[in-house]
Each structure stands twice: as C-alpha cells, then as structure tokens.
Amino acid sequence: MVGLLAWSLAGCTGFRAAQLYRDGTVDLNAGRHEAALTQLREAARLLPEASEIQNHLGLALAANDQHAEALLAFERAVDLDCDNAAAAENLEAARRRAASLPGSVHELE
C-alpha cells in the first residue's frame, strides 16, 4: 500500500489510478472479476508504469480467461519492477499454463 500512497501524490491522475487499483483489487478478491478487470484496465491506462497495477491487471485478466493478455501484463509488471515477487510468481504460473495448452510451442517440440 506504500505504492498506493506514492501514486496518490502524483496528482489527480495518480490519485484516480490509486482509487481504481484499490477498488479493482477489492472486486477481484470478492470474485467480481469483470468489474475488477474494468477498473484495473483503467488504472493501468492512467498509470502504465505501476508494476502493482500491471500485476493485478494480470490476475483480473486470468480470472476472466484472457490468459494471453494476462501473461503480457505479468511480463510488464516484472519488467517495471524486477523485485515484485508476486508478479514474478504470477508470471511463472502463467508461463507454465501457456506451455501446457494444446498447440503450445512445447507440445510441438
């Protein structure tokens, strides 16, 4: 939540992104995946350099069965902050899932 405070100090856009991140996370945790996705997409649009937002966006995308986009969001989260352990774990899980899907590169080898 320290990041949330820092974002809110970034002006109106940062404050709005922090609100959307908070509300989207609440919706995600409550199982309201579509609402979470809407809010986290907007938060990511407003503050694309926030690793935490990208990570939660990835979770919302995965919860909405948009796994390819989730993988990209997790990659962005780790690219933005290589110390974001949650994003790194989610990225690895998304990569394992992608590798296990029919038609994946690993299946062709």
C-alpha atoms as a PDB file:
ATOM      1  CA  MET A   1       0.000   0.000   0.000  1.00  0.00           C
ATOM      2  CA  VAL A   2       3.025   2.295   0.146  1.00  0.00           C
ATOM      3  CA  GLY A   3       2.863   2.413  -3.646  1.00  0.00           C
ATOM      4  CA  LEU A   4      -0.781   3.465  -3.398  1.00  0.00           C
ATOM      5  CA  LEU A   5       0.218   6.476  -1.308  1.00  0.00           C
ATOM      6  CA  ALA A   6       3.020   7.367  -3.721  1.00  0.00           C
ATOM      7  CA  TRP A   7       0.642   7.208  -6.682  1.00  0.00           C
ATOM      8  CA  SER A   8      -1.844   9.470  -4.936  1.00  0.00           C
ATOM      9  CA  LEU A   9       0.911  12.048  -4.504  1.00  0.00           C
ATOM     10  CA  ALA A  10       1.389  12.094  -8.276  1.00  0.00           C
ATOM     11  CA  GLY A  11      -1.591  14.389  -8.807  1.00  0.00           C
ATOM     12  CA  CYS A  12      -5.131  13.819  -9.977  1.00  0.00           C
ATOM     13  CA  THR A  13      -4.256  11.062 -12.439  1.00  0.00           C
ATOM     14  CA  GLY A  14      -2.226   9.175  -9.852  1.00  0.00           C
ATOM     15  CA  PHE A  15      -4.953   9.585  -7.259  1.00  0.00           C
ATOM     16  CA  ARG A  16      -7.618   8.268  -9.656  1.00  0.00           C
ATOM     17  CA  ALA A  17      -5.390   5.344 -10.639  1.00  0.00           C
ATOM     18  CA  ALA A  18      -4.872   4.523  -6.946  1.00  0.00           C
ATOM     19  CA  GLN A  19      -8.637   4.541  -6.352  1.00  0.00           C
ATOM     20  CA  LEU A  20      -9.239   2.271  -9.332  1.00  0.00           C
ATOM     21  CA  TYR A  21      -6.456  -0.073  -8.211  1.00  0.00           C
ATOM     22  CA  ARG A  22      -7.930  -0.260  -4.704  1.00  0.00           C
ATOM     23  CA  ASP A  23     -11.490  -0.802  -5.928  1.00  0.00           C
ATOM     24  CA  GLY A  24     -10.408  -3.263  -8.608  1.00  0.00           C
ATOM     25  CA  THR A  25      -8.456  -5.260  -6.048  1.00  0.00           C
ATOM     26  CA  VAL A  26     -11.490  -5.365  -3.741  1.00  0.00           C
ATOM     27  CA  ASP A  27     -13.644  -6.587  -6.637  1.00  0.00           C
ATOM     28  CA  LEU A  28     -11.027  -9.157  -7.637  1.00  0.00           C
ATOM     29  CA  ASN A  29     -10.835 -10.537  -4.095  1.00  0.00           C
ATOM     30  CA  ALA A  30     -14.653 -10.642  -3.908  1.00  0.00           C
ATOM     31  CA  GLY A  31     -14.917 -12.638  -7.131  1.00  0.00           C
ATOM     32  CA  ARG A  32     -16.345  -9.765  -9.178  1.00  0.00           C
ATOM     33  CA  HIS A  33     -13.873 -10.418 -11.980  1.00  0.00           C
ATOM     34  CA  GLU A  34     -15.465  -8.381 -14.765  1.00  0.00           C
ATOM     35  CA  ALA A  35     -15.780  -5.294 -12.564  1.00  0.00           C
ATOM     36  CA  ALA A  36     -12.199  -5.780 -11.401  1.00  0.00           C
ATOM     37  CA  LEU A  37     -10.980  -6.023 -14.972  1.00  0.00           C
ATOM     38  CA  THR A  38     -12.737  -2.814 -15.979  1.00  0.00           C
ATOM     39  CA  GLN A  39     -11.261  -0.870 -13.074  1.00  0.00           C
ATOM     40  CA  LEU A  40      -7.758  -2.312 -13.350  1.00  0.00           C
ATOM     41  CA  ARG A  41      -7.619  -1.712 -17.115  1.00  0.00           C
ATOM     42  CA  GLU A  42      -8.407   1.950 -16.481  1.00  0.00           C
ATOM     43  CA  ALA A  43      -5.876   2.155 -13.642  1.00  0.00           C
ATOM     44  CA  ALA A  44      -3.228   0.678 -15.957  1.00  0.00           C
ATOM     45  CA  ARG A  45      -4.136   3.165 -18.669  1.00  0.00           C
ATOM     46  CA  LEU A  46      -3.765   6.058 -16.249  1.00  0.00           C
ATOM     47  CA  LEU A  47      -0.572   4.792 -14.629  1.00  0.00           C
ATOM     48  CA  PRO A  48       1.102   2.304 -17.009  1.00  0.00           C
ATOM     49  CA  GLU A  49       4.415   2.374 -15.137  1.00  0.00           C
ATOM     50  CA  ALA A  50       2.947   0.890 -11.920  1.00  0.00           C
ATOM     51  CA  SER A  51       4.092  -2.698 -11.517  1.00  0.00           C
ATOM     52  CA  GLU A  52       1.482  -3.467  -8.846  1.00  0.00           C
ATOM     53  CA  ILE A  53      -1.336  -2.359 -11.133  1.00  0.00           C
ATOM     54  CA  GLN A  54       0.019  -4.455 -14.011  1.00  0.00           C
ATOM     55  CA  ASN A  55       0.227  -7.482 -11.721  1.00  0.00           C
ATOM     56  CA  HIS A  56      -3.357  -7.122 -10.512  1.00  0.00           C
ATOM     57  CA  LEU A  57      -4.484  -6.469 -14.078  1.00  0.00           C
ATOM     58  CA  GLY A  58      -2.891  -9.806 -14.981  1.00  0.00           C
ATOM     59  CA  LEU A  59      -4.808 -11.518 -12.196  1.00  0.00           C
ATOM     60  CA  ALA A  60      -8.082  -9.973 -13.381  1.00  0.00           C
ATOM     61  CA  LEU A  61      -7.365 -10.962 -16.973  1.00  0.00           C
ATOM     62  CA  ALA A  62      -6.616 -14.544 -15.939  1.00  0.00           C
ATOM     63  CA  ALA A  63      -9.793 -14.653 -13.839  1.00  0.00           C
ATOM     64  CA  ASN A  64     -11.681 -13.616 -16.995  1.00  0.00           C
ATOM     65  CA  ASP A  65      -9.990 -16.378 -19.061  1.00  0.00           C
ATOM     66  CA  GLN A  66      -7.891 -13.883 -21.011  1.00  0.00           C
ATOM     67  CA  HIS A  67      -4.681 -15.790 -20.366  1.00  0.00           C
ATOM     68  CA  ALA A  68      -2.551 -14.478 -23.242  1.00  0.00           C
ATOM     69  CA  GLU A  69      -3.187 -10.888 -22.140  1.00  0.00           C
ATOM     70  CA  ALA A  70      -2.586 -11.879 -18.511  1.00  0.00           C
ATOM     71  CA  LEU A  71       0.832 -13.218 -19.453  1.00  0.00           C
ATOM     72  CA  LEU A  72       1.697  -9.895 -21.082  1.00  0.00           C
ATOM     73  CA  ALA A  73       0.532  -7.944 -18.030  1.00  0.00           C
ATOM     74  CA  PHE A  74       2.671 -10.098 -15.729  1.00  0.00           C
ATOM     75  CA  GLU A  75       5.659  -9.607 -18.044  1.00  0.00           C
ATOM     76  CA  ARG A  76       5.142  -5.835 -17.923  1.00  0.00           C
ATOM     77  CA  ALA A  77       4.866  -5.931 -14.136  1.00  0.00           C
ATOM     78  CA  VAL A  78       8.195  -7.748 -13.816  1.00  0.00           C
ATOM     79  CA  ASP A  79       9.841  -5.525 -16.444  1.00  0.00           C
ATOM     80  CA  LEU A  80       8.764  -2.469 -14.458  1.00  0.00           C
ATOM     81  CA  ASP A  81       9.924  -3.870 -11.110  1.00  0.00           C
ATOM     82  CA  CYS A  82      12.099  -6.965 -11.070  1.00  0.00           C
ATOM     83  CA  ASP A  83      11.727  -7.067  -7.268  1.00  0.00           C
ATOM     84  CA  ASN A  84       7.953  -7.557  -7.470  1.00  0.00           C
ATOM     85  CA  ALA A  85       7.955 -11.136  -6.166  1.00  0.00           C
ATOM     86  CA  ALA A  86       4.202 -11.608  -6.563  1.00  0.00           C
ATOM     87  CA  ALA A  87       4.368 -10.582 -10.230  1.00  0.00           C
ATOM     88  CA  ALA A  88       7.331 -12.890 -10.813  1.00  0.00           C
ATOM     89  CA  GLU A  89       5.434 -15.820  -9.290  1.00  0.00           C
ATOM     90  CA  ASN A  90       2.337 -14.995 -11.341  1.00  0.00           C
ATOM     91  CA  LEU A  91       4.450 -14.733 -14.485  1.00  0.00           C
ATOM     92  CA  GLU A  92       5.942 -18.170 -13.923  1.00  0.00           C
ATOM     93  CA  ALA A  93       2.499 -19.665 -13.290  1.00  0.00           C
ATOM     94  CA  ALA A  94       1.163 -18.020 -16.470  1.00  0.00           C
ATOM     95  CA  ARG A  95       4.099 -19.364 -18.465  1.00  0.00           C
ATOM     96  CA  ARG A  96       3.504 -22.885 -17.106  1.00  0.00           C
ATOM     97  CA  ARG A  97      -0.164 -22.611 -18.029  1.00  0.00           C
ATOM     98  CA  ALA A  98       0.657 -21.376 -21.538  1.00  0.00           C
ATOM     99  CA  ALA A  99       3.128 -24.224 -22.046  1.00  0.00           C
ATOM    100  CA  SER A 100       0.501 -26.798 -21.072  1.00  0.00           C
ATOM    101  CA  LEU A 101      -2.127 -25.590 -23.543  1.00  0.00           C
ATOM    102  CA  PRO A 102      -2.784 -27.568 -26.733  1.00  0.00           C
ATOM    103  CA  GLY A 103      -0.807 -26.153 -29.631  1.00  0.00           C
ATOM    104  CA  SER A 104       1.850 -24.605 -27.415  1.00  0.00           C
ATOM    105  CA  VAL A 105       5.440 -24.443 -28.600  1.00  0.00           C
ATOM    106  CA  HIS A 106       6.444 -27.078 -26.050  1.00  0.00           C
ATOM    107  CA  GLU A 107       3.895 -29.508 -27.416  1.00  0.00           C
ATOM    108  CA  LEU A 108       5.368 -29.153 -30.918  1.00  0.00           C
ATOM    109  CA  GLU A 109       8.922 -29.956 -29.832  1.00  0.00           C
END
